Structures are given as structure tokens and as C-alpha cells.
Amino acid sequence: MCLAMPVEVIELLPGQCARVSVDGVTREISLALVDDVAVGDFVLLHVGFAIGKLDREEADATLRDLAALAESAEIRPGGTAA
């Protein structure tokens, strides 16, 4: 299964890259697959690449759903869901 995570662009970097943030965690990603990204935009992050843009409401709703899913899932040793 693949998962894309909404992240906020906090800084544009050289070479079609950006620094993004979610829940206080930041990382550098590639913007090579998405056009017209600006600081403050939300993008979907998948394996180090932004694969699409989304608005703040969509990003917030998705992050809430992911947090609820994480809270409700029982994780067995080894990282598999019960």
C-alpha cells in the first residue's frame, strides 16, 4: 500500500526542491512533478516527491483522518496492524 501525506511548503530551495513541514517535522523534498508551488501551499508528499497540490481544508481533513487512524490502530511488534 502507498500513502501520500499532506505537508506545508515552508521554504523554496534551488533545483526544484522545497523544505516542508508537518507536525513540526521538516524535510527537503522534490517539486519536480508539481508546477507553481509557493511558500504556504500544501502538497501531497510521496517517497520524497510532491505529487500534487491541495488546499488547506483538504490537508487539515486528511491529517485529522490519519491521526484518528493511527490512534485507533493496534500495532503488533514488527509494525503490523492487529
PDB file of N, CA and C in Angstrom:
ATOM      1  N   MET A   1       0.851  -1.175   0.000  1.00  0.00           N
ATOM      2  CA  MET A   1       0.000   0.000   0.000  1.00  0.00           C
ATOM      3  C   MET A   1       0.895   1.236   0.000  1.00  0.00           C
ATOM      4  N   CYS A   2       0.480   2.244  -0.739  1.00  0.00           N
ATOM      5  CA  CYS A   2       1.207   3.507  -0.805  1.00  0.00           C
ATOM      6  C   CYS A   2       0.418   4.578  -0.067  1.00  0.00           C
ATOM      7  N   LEU A   3       1.128   5.530   0.488  1.00  0.00           N
ATOM      8  CA  LEU A   3       0.489   6.595   1.237  1.00  0.00           C
ATOM      9  C   LEU A   3       1.159   7.917   0.898  1.00  0.00           C
ATOM     10  N   ALA A   4       0.343   8.917   0.563  1.00  0.00           N
ATOM     11  CA  ALA A   4       0.846  10.278   0.357  1.00  0.00           C
ATOM     12  C   ALA A   4       0.368  11.117   1.528  1.00  0.00           C
ATOM     13  N   MET A   5       1.244  11.971   2.021  1.00  0.00           N
ATOM     14  CA  MET A   5       0.976  12.752   3.228  1.00  0.00           C
ATOM     15  C   MET A   5       0.927  14.235   2.887  1.00  0.00           C
ATOM     16  N   PRO A   6      -0.093  14.960   3.359  1.00  0.00           N
ATOM     17  CA  PRO A   6      -0.106  16.410   3.137  1.00  0.00           C
ATOM     18  C   PRO A   6       0.955  17.092   3.989  1.00  0.00           C
ATOM     19  N   VAL A   7       1.709  17.985   3.365  1.00  0.00           N
ATOM     20  CA  VAL A   7       2.742  18.758   4.058  1.00  0.00           C
ATOM     21  C   VAL A   7       2.675  20.197   3.576  1.00  0.00           C
ATOM     22  N   GLU A   8       3.119  21.126   4.418  1.00  0.00           N
ATOM     23  CA  GLU A   8       3.120  22.539   4.060  1.00  0.00           C
ATOM     24  C   GLU A   8       4.503  22.963   3.597  1.00  0.00           C
ATOM     25  N   VAL A   9       4.550  23.677   2.481  1.00  0.00           N
ATOM     26  CA  VAL A   9       5.813  24.198   1.968  1.00  0.00           C
ATOM     27  C   VAL A   9       6.200  25.411   2.816  1.00  0.00           C
ATOM     28  N   ILE A  10       7.383  25.339   3.434  1.00  0.00           N
ATOM     29  CA  ILE A  10       7.820  26.452   4.282  1.00  0.00           C
ATOM     30  C   ILE A  10       8.991  27.218   3.683  1.00  0.00           C
ATOM     31  N   GLU A  11       9.636  26.623   2.660  1.00  0.00           N
ATOM     32  CA  GLU A  11      10.760  27.312   2.017  1.00  0.00           C
ATOM     33  C   GLU A  11      10.991  26.696   0.646  1.00  0.00           C
ATOM     34  N   LEU A  12      11.173  27.546  -0.359  1.00  0.00           N
ATOM     35  CA  LEU A  12      11.562  27.071  -1.687  1.00  0.00           C
ATOM     36  C   LEU A  12      13.081  27.044  -1.758  1.00  0.00           C
ATOM     37  N   LEU A  13      13.620  25.967  -2.302  1.00  0.00           N
ATOM     38  CA  LEU A  13      15.057  25.758  -2.377  1.00  0.00           C
ATOM     39  C   LEU A  13      15.475  25.651  -3.847  1.00  0.00           C
ATOM     40  N   PRO A  14      16.752  25.820  -4.133  1.00  0.00           N
ATOM     41  CA  PRO A  14      17.220  25.684  -5.518  1.00  0.00           C
ATOM     42  C   PRO A  14      16.988  24.267  -6.060  1.00  0.00           C
ATOM     43  N   GLY A  15      16.936  24.166  -7.374  1.00  0.00           N
ATOM     44  CA  GLY A  15      16.865  22.848  -8.013  1.00  0.00           C
ATOM     45  C   GLY A  15      15.533  22.157  -7.877  1.00  0.00           C
ATOM     46  N   GLN A  16      14.440  22.889  -7.960  1.00  0.00           N
ATOM     47  CA  GLN A  16      13.088  22.319  -7.846  1.00  0.00           C
ATOM     48  C   GLN A  16      12.890  21.553  -6.541  1.00  0.00           C
ATOM     49  N   CYS A  17      13.416  22.090  -5.464  1.00  0.00           N
ATOM     50  CA  CYS A  17      13.268  21.474  -4.143  1.00  0.00           C
ATOM     51  C   CYS A  17      12.586  22.440  -3.195  1.00  0.00           C
ATOM     52  N   ALA A  18      12.096  21.902  -2.089  1.00  0.00           N
ATOM     53  CA  ALA A  18      11.454  22.724  -1.062  1.00  0.00           C
ATOM     54  C   ALA A  18      11.667  22.082   0.296  1.00  0.00           C
ATOM     55  N   ARG A  19      11.585  22.902   1.326  1.00  0.00           N
ATOM     56  CA  ARG A  19      11.543  22.398   2.695  1.00  0.00           C
ATOM     57  C   ARG A  19      10.073  22.421   3.092  1.00  0.00           C
ATOM     58  N   VAL A  20       9.616  21.302   3.648  1.00  0.00           N
ATOM     59  CA  VAL A  20       8.210  21.169   4.038  1.00  0.00           C
ATOM     60  C   VAL A  20       8.126  20.799   5.508  1.00  0.00           C
ATOM     61  N   SER A  21       6.924  20.955   6.062  1.00  0.00           N
ATOM     62  CA  SER A  21       6.720  20.680   7.481  1.00  0.00           C
ATOM     63  C   SER A  21       5.359  20.037   7.704  1.00  0.00           C
ATOM     64  N   VAL A  22       5.329  19.109   8.648  1.00  0.00           N
ATOM     65  CA  VAL A  22       4.078  18.551   9.162  1.00  0.00           C
ATOM     66  C   VAL A  22       4.323  18.175  10.614  1.00  0.00           C
ATOM     67  N   ASP A  23       3.461  18.646  11.495  1.00  0.00           N
ATOM     68  CA  ASP A  23       3.580  18.372  12.937  1.00  0.00           C
ATOM     69  C   ASP A  23       4.970  18.696  13.479  1.00  0.00           C
ATOM     70  N   GLY A  24       5.587  19.772  12.974  1.00  0.00           N
ATOM     71  CA  GLY A  24       6.885  20.198  13.465  1.00  0.00           C
ATOM     72  C   GLY A  24       8.072  19.454  12.885  1.00  0.00           C
ATOM     73  N   VAL A  25       7.823  18.462  12.063  1.00  0.00           N
ATOM     74  CA  VAL A  25       8.898  17.714  11.412  1.00  0.00           C
ATOM     75  C   VAL A  25       9.125  18.330  10.037  1.00  0.00           C
ATOM     76  N   THR A  26      10.384  18.646   9.721  1.00  0.00           N
ATOM     77  CA  THR A  26      10.685  19.233   8.421  1.00  0.00           C
ATOM     78  C   THR A  26      11.601  18.310   7.633  1.00  0.00           C
ATOM     79  N   ARG A  27      11.516  18.436   6.313  1.00  0.00           N
ATOM     80  CA  ARG A  27      12.404  17.686   5.434  1.00  0.00           C
ATOM     81  C   ARG A  27      12.456  18.358   4.079  1.00  0.00           C
ATOM     82  N   GLU A  28      13.467  18.019   3.316  1.00  0.00           N
ATOM     83  CA  GLU A  28      13.627  18.555   1.971  1.00  0.00           C
ATOM     84  C   GLU A  28      13.020  17.563   0.979  1.00  0.00           C
ATOM     85  N   ILE A  29      12.245  18.086   0.025  1.00  0.00           N
ATOM     86  CA  ILE A  29      11.588  17.234  -0.965  1.00  0.00           C
ATOM     87  C   ILE A  29      11.796  17.807  -2.363  1.00  0.00           C
ATOM     88  N   SER A  30      11.433  17.020  -3.362  1.00  0.00           N
ATOM     89  CA  SER A  30      11.491  17.454  -4.754  1.00  0.00           C
ATOM     90  C   SER A  30      10.131  17.981  -5.196  1.00  0.00           C
ATOM     91  N   LEU A  31      10.155  19.089  -5.946  1.00  0.00           N
ATOM     92  CA  LEU A  31       8.947  19.651  -6.551  1.00  0.00           C
ATOM     93  C   LEU A  31       8.905  19.404  -8.061  1.00  0.00           C
ATOM     94  N   ALA A  32       9.755  18.511  -8.553  1.00  0.00           N
ATOM     95  CA  ALA A  32       9.897  18.286  -9.990  1.00  0.00           C
ATOM     96  C   ALA A  32       8.593  17.853 -10.667  1.00  0.00           C
ATOM     97  N   LEU A  33       7.667  17.263  -9.929  1.00  0.00           N
ATOM     98  CA  LEU A  33       6.441  16.739 -10.530  1.00  0.00           C
ATOM     99  C   LEU A  33       5.239  17.677 -10.407  1.00  0.00           C
ATOM    100  N   VAL A  34       5.411  18.824  -9.738  1.00  0.00           N
ATOM    101  CA  VAL A  34       4.293  19.739  -9.479  1.00  0.00           C
ATOM    102  C   VAL A  34       4.698  21.149  -9.894  1.00  0.00           C
ATOM    103  N   ASP A  35       3.817  21.847 -10.603  1.00  0.00           N
ATOM    104  CA  ASP A  35       4.084  23.214 -11.049  1.00  0.00           C
ATOM    105  C   ASP A  35       3.499  24.240 -10.096  1.00  0.00           C
ATOM    106  N   ASP A  36       4.072  25.443 -10.147  1.00  0.00           N
ATOM    107  CA  ASP A  36       3.525  26.623  -9.468  1.00  0.00           C
ATOM    108  C   ASP A  36       3.308  26.438  -7.969  1.00  0.00           C
ATOM    109  N   VAL A  37       4.319  25.947  -7.271  1.00  0.00           N
ATOM    110  CA  VAL A  37       4.241  25.780  -5.819  1.00  0.00           C
ATOM    111  C   VAL A  37       4.856  27.010  -5.161  1.00  0.00           C
ATOM    112  N   ALA A  38       4.188  27.510  -4.127  1.00  0.00           N
ATOM    113  CA  ALA A  38       4.661  28.680  -3.389  1.00  0.00           C
ATOM    114  C   ALA A  38       4.728  28.352  -1.901  1.00  0.00           C
ATOM    115  N   VAL A  39       5.487  29.151  -1.165  1.00  0.00           N
ATOM    116  CA  VAL A  39       5.528  29.015   0.293  1.00  0.00           C
ATOM    117  C   VAL A  39       4.104  29.176   0.821  1.00  0.00           C
ATOM    118  N   GLY A  40       3.709  28.289   1.722  1.00  0.00           N
ATOM    119  CA  GLY A  40       2.364  28.300   2.281  1.00  0.00           C
ATOM    120  C   GLY A  40       1.427  27.321   1.603  1.00  0.00           C
ATOM    121  N   ASP A  41       1.796  26.826   0.427  1.00  0.00           N
ATOM    122  CA  ASP A  41       0.981  25.813  -0.255  1.00  0.00           C
ATOM    123  C   ASP A  41       1.092  24.479   0.465  1.00  0.00           C
ATOM    124  N   PHE A  42       0.083  23.646   0.273  1.00  0.00           N
ATOM    125  CA  PHE A  42       0.118  22.273   0.758  1.00  0.00           C
ATOM    126  C   PHE A  42       0.273  21.347  -0.438  1.00  0.00           C
ATOM    127  N   VAL A  43       1.164  20.369  -0.301  1.00  0.00           N
ATOM    128  CA  VAL A  43       1.386  19.382  -1.348  1.00  0.00           C
ATOM    129  C   VAL A  43       1.259  17.994  -0.741  1.00  0.00           C
ATOM    130  N   LEU A  44       0.977  17.021  -1.605  1.00  0.00           N
ATOM    131  CA  LEU A  44       0.972  15.630  -1.188  1.00  0.00           C
ATOM    132  C   LEU A  44       2.369  15.074  -1.382  1.00  0.00           C
ATOM    133  N   LEU A  45       2.955  14.548  -0.313  1.00  0.00           N
ATOM    134  CA  LEU A  45       4.314  14.020  -0.331  1.00  0.00           C
ATOM    135  C   LEU A  45       4.280  12.503  -0.417  1.00  0.00           C
ATOM    136  N   HIS A  46       5.003  11.968  -1.398  1.00  0.00           N
ATOM    137  CA  HIS A  46       5.121  10.512  -1.543  1.00  0.00           C
ATOM    138  C   HIS A  46       6.563  10.195  -1.916  1.00  0.00           C
ATOM    139  N   VAL A  47       7.222   9.412  -1.119  1.00  0.00           N
ATOM    140  CA  VAL A  47       8.616   8.983  -1.280  1.00  0.00           C
ATOM    141  C   VAL A  47       9.548  10.111  -1.718  1.00  0.00           C
ATOM    142  N   GLY A  48       9.421  11.266  -1.064  1.00  0.00           N
ATOM    143  CA  GLY A  48      10.330  12.374  -1.310  1.00  0.00           C
ATOM    144  C   GLY A  48       9.927  13.323  -2.424  1.00  0.00           C
ATOM    145  N   PHE A  49       8.812  13.060  -3.079  1.00  0.00           N
ATOM    146  CA  PHE A  49       8.336  13.896  -4.179  1.00  0.00           C
ATOM    147  C   PHE A  49       6.959  14.455  -3.876  1.00  0.00           C
ATOM    148  N   ALA A  50       6.760  15.736  -4.177  1.00  0.00           N
ATOM    149  CA  ALA A  50       5.411  16.301  -4.171  1.00  0.00           C
ATOM    150  C   ALA A  50       4.714  15.757  -5.414  1.00  0.00           C
ATOM    151  N   ILE A  51       3.527  15.194  -5.243  1.00  0.00           N
ATOM    152  CA  ILE A  51       2.817  14.602  -6.381  1.00  0.00           C
ATOM    153  C   ILE A  51       1.527  15.342  -6.710  1.00  0.00           C
ATOM    154  N   GLY A  52       1.212  16.378  -5.961  1.00  0.00           N
ATOM    155  CA  GLY A  52       0.019  17.176  -6.235  1.00  0.00           C
ATOM    156  C   GLY A  52      -0.135  18.255  -5.184  1.00  0.00           C
ATOM    157  N   LYS A  53      -0.979  19.233  -5.505  1.00  0.00           N
ATOM    158  CA  LYS A  53      -1.287  20.308  -4.562  1.00  0.00           C
ATOM    159  C   LYS A  53      -2.693  20.098  -4.013  1.00  0.00           C
ATOM    160  N   LEU A  54      -2.931  20.616  -2.812  1.00  0.00           N
ATOM    161  CA  LEU A  54      -4.266  20.594  -2.239  1.00  0.00           C
ATOM    162  C   LEU A  54      -4.441  21.818  -1.362  1.00  0.00           C
ATOM    163  N   ASP A  55      -5.693  22.167  -1.075  1.00  0.00           N
ATOM    164  CA  ASP A  55      -5.933  23.359  -0.262  1.00  0.00           C
ATOM    165  C   ASP A  55      -5.831  23.017   1.225  1.00  0.00           C
ATOM    166  N   ARG A  56      -5.765  24.058   2.046  1.00  0.00           N
ATOM    167  CA  ARG A  56      -5.581  23.882   3.493  1.00  0.00           C
ATOM    168  C   ARG A  56      -6.673  23.018   4.115  1.00  0.00           C
ATOM    169  N   GLU A  57      -7.921  23.212   3.700  1.00  0.00           N
ATOM    170  CA  GLU A  57      -9.027  22.440   4.285  1.00  0.00           C
ATOM    171  C   GLU A  57      -8.871  20.950   3.993  1.00  0.00           C
ATOM    172  N   GLU A  58      -8.505  20.621   2.747  1.00  0.00           N
ATOM    173  CA  GLU A  58      -8.274  19.230   2.383  1.00  0.00           C
ATOM    174  C   GLU A  58      -7.107  18.644   3.166  1.00  0.00           C
ATOM    175  N   ALA A  59      -6.033  19.409   3.293  1.00  0.00           N
ATOM    176  CA  ALA A  59      -4.859  18.956   4.035  1.00  0.00           C
ATOM    177  C   ALA A  59      -5.215  18.706   5.500  1.00  0.00           C
ATOM    178  N   ASP A  60      -5.908  19.656   6.119  1.00  0.00           N
ATOM    179  CA  ASP A  60      -6.284  19.505   7.531  1.00  0.00           C
ATOM    180  C   ASP A  60      -7.180  18.290   7.738  1.00  0.00           C
ATOM    181  N   ALA A  61      -8.148  18.090   6.854  1.00  0.00           N
ATOM    182  CA  ALA A  61      -9.062  16.949   6.977  1.00  0.00           C
ATOM    183  C   ALA A  61      -8.299  15.631   6.836  1.00  0.00           C
ATOM    184  N   THR A  62      -7.392  15.563   5.890  1.00  0.00           N
ATOM    185  CA  THR A  62      -6.609  14.346   5.686  1.00  0.00           C
ATOM    186  C   THR A  62      -5.704  14.062   6.887  1.00  0.00           C
ATOM    187  N   LEU A  63      -5.061  15.100   7.416  1.00  0.00           N
ATOM    188  CA  LEU A  63      -4.196  14.906   8.583  1.00  0.00           C
ATOM    189  C   LEU A  63      -5.005  14.466   9.806  1.00  0.00           C
ATOM    190  N   ARG A  64      -6.209  15.015   9.977  1.00  0.00           N
ATOM    191  CA  ARG A  64      -7.080  14.569  11.084  1.00  0.00           C
ATOM    192  C   ARG A  64      -7.448  13.093  10.912  1.00  0.00           C
ATOM    193  N   ASP A  65      -7.794  12.701   9.694  1.00  0.00           N
ATOM    194  CA  ASP A  65      -8.152  11.303   9.440  1.00  0.00           C
ATOM    195  C   ASP A  65      -6.974  10.369   9.697  1.00  0.00           C
ATOM    196  N   LEU A  66      -5.777  10.763   9.270  1.00  0.00           N
ATOM    197  CA  LEU A  66      -4.598   9.935   9.508  1.00  0.00           C
ATOM    198  C   LEU A  66      -4.288   9.818  10.996  1.00  0.00           C
ATOM    199  N   ALA A  67      -4.456  10.905  11.740  1.00  0.00           N
ATOM    200  CA  ALA A  67      -4.218  10.873  13.185  1.00  0.00           C
ATOM    201  C   ALA A  67      -5.225   9.953  13.876  1.00  0.00           C
ATOM    202  N   ALA A  68      -6.487  10.027  13.468  1.00  0.00           N
ATOM    203  CA  ALA A  68      -7.516   9.166  14.054  1.00  0.00           C
ATOM    204  C   ALA A  68      -7.236   7.699  13.733  1.00  0.00           C
ATOM    205  N   LEU A  69      -6.807   7.432  12.519  1.00  0.00           N
ATOM    206  CA  LEU A  69      -6.473   6.067  12.129  1.00  0.00           C
ATOM    207  C   LEU A  69      -5.313   5.531  12.960  1.00  0.00           C
ATOM    208  N   ALA A  70      -4.292   6.361  13.153  1.00  0.00           N
ATOM    209  CA  ALA A  70      -3.133   5.946  13.949  1.00  0.00           C
ATOM    210  C   ALA A  70      -3.525   5.665  15.393  1.00  0.00           C
ATOM    211  N   GLU A  71      -4.411   6.487  15.950  1.00  0.00           N
ATOM    212  CA  GLU A  71      -4.848   6.291  17.331  1.00  0.00           C
ATOM    213  C   GLU A  71      -5.680   5.025  17.495  1.00  0.00           C
ATOM    214  N   SER A  72      -6.453   4.671  16.485  1.00  0.00           N
ATOM    215  CA  SER A  72      -7.349   3.526  16.610  1.00  0.00           C
ATOM    216  C   SER A  72      -6.691   2.201  16.252  1.00  0.00           C
ATOM    217  N   ALA A  73      -5.569   2.255  15.549  1.00  0.00           N
ATOM    218  CA  ALA A  73      -4.910   1.016  15.105  1.00  0.00           C
ATOM    219  C   ALA A  73      -4.093   0.408  16.229  1.00  0.00           C
ATOM    220  N   GLU A  74      -4.221  -0.888  16.385  1.00  0.00           N
ATOM    221  CA  GLU A  74      -3.345  -1.605  17.301  1.00  0.00           C
ATOM    222  C   GLU A  74      -2.176  -2.098  16.478  1.00  0.00           C
ATOM    223  N   ILE A  75      -0.980  -1.801  16.926  1.00  0.00           N
ATOM    224  CA  ILE A  75       0.222  -2.189  16.197  1.00  0.00           C
ATOM    225  C   ILE A  75       0.918  -3.307  16.956  1.00  0.00           C
ATOM    226  N   ARG A  76       1.163  -4.426  16.248  1.00  0.00           N
ATOM    227  CA  ARG A  76       1.878  -5.539  16.831  1.00  0.00           C
ATOM    228  C   ARG A  76       3.382  -5.315  16.687  1.00  0.00           C
ATOM    229  N   PRO A  77       4.181  -5.971  17.492  1.00  0.00           N
ATOM    230  CA  PRO A  77       5.645  -5.891  17.303  1.00  0.00           C
ATOM    231  C   PRO A  77       5.968  -6.244  15.850  1.00  0.00           C
ATOM    232  N   GLY A  78       6.867  -5.496  15.265  1.00  0.00           N
ATOM    233  CA  GLY A  78       7.212  -5.703  13.866  1.00  0.00           C
ATOM    234  C   GLY A  78       6.474  -4.733  12.967  1.00  0.00           C
ATOM    235  N   GLY A  79       5.559  -3.921  13.531  1.00  0.00           N
ATOM    236  CA  GLY A  79       4.914  -2.870  12.761  1.00  0.00           C
ATOM    237  C   GLY A  79       3.696  -3.268  11.976  1.00  0.00           C
ATOM    238  N   THR A  80       3.095  -4.402  12.255  1.00  0.00           N
ATOM    239  CA  THR A  80       1.901  -4.805  11.509  1.00  0.00           C
ATOM    240  C   THR A  80       0.656  -4.536  12.340  1.00  0.00           C
ATOM    241  N   ALA A  81      -0.415  -4.195  11.665  1.00  0.00           N
ATOM    242  CA  ALA A  81      -1.679  -3.916  12.357  1.00  0.00           C
ATOM    243  C   ALA A  81      -2.302  -5.216  12.834  1.00  0.00           C
ATOM    244  N   ALA A  82      -2.970  -5.129  13.954  1.00  0.00           N
ATOM    245  CA  ALA A  82      -3.642  -6.302  14.521  1.00  0.00           C
ATOM    246  C   ALA A  82      -4.879  -6.646  13.722  1.00  0.00           C
TER     247      ALA A  82
END
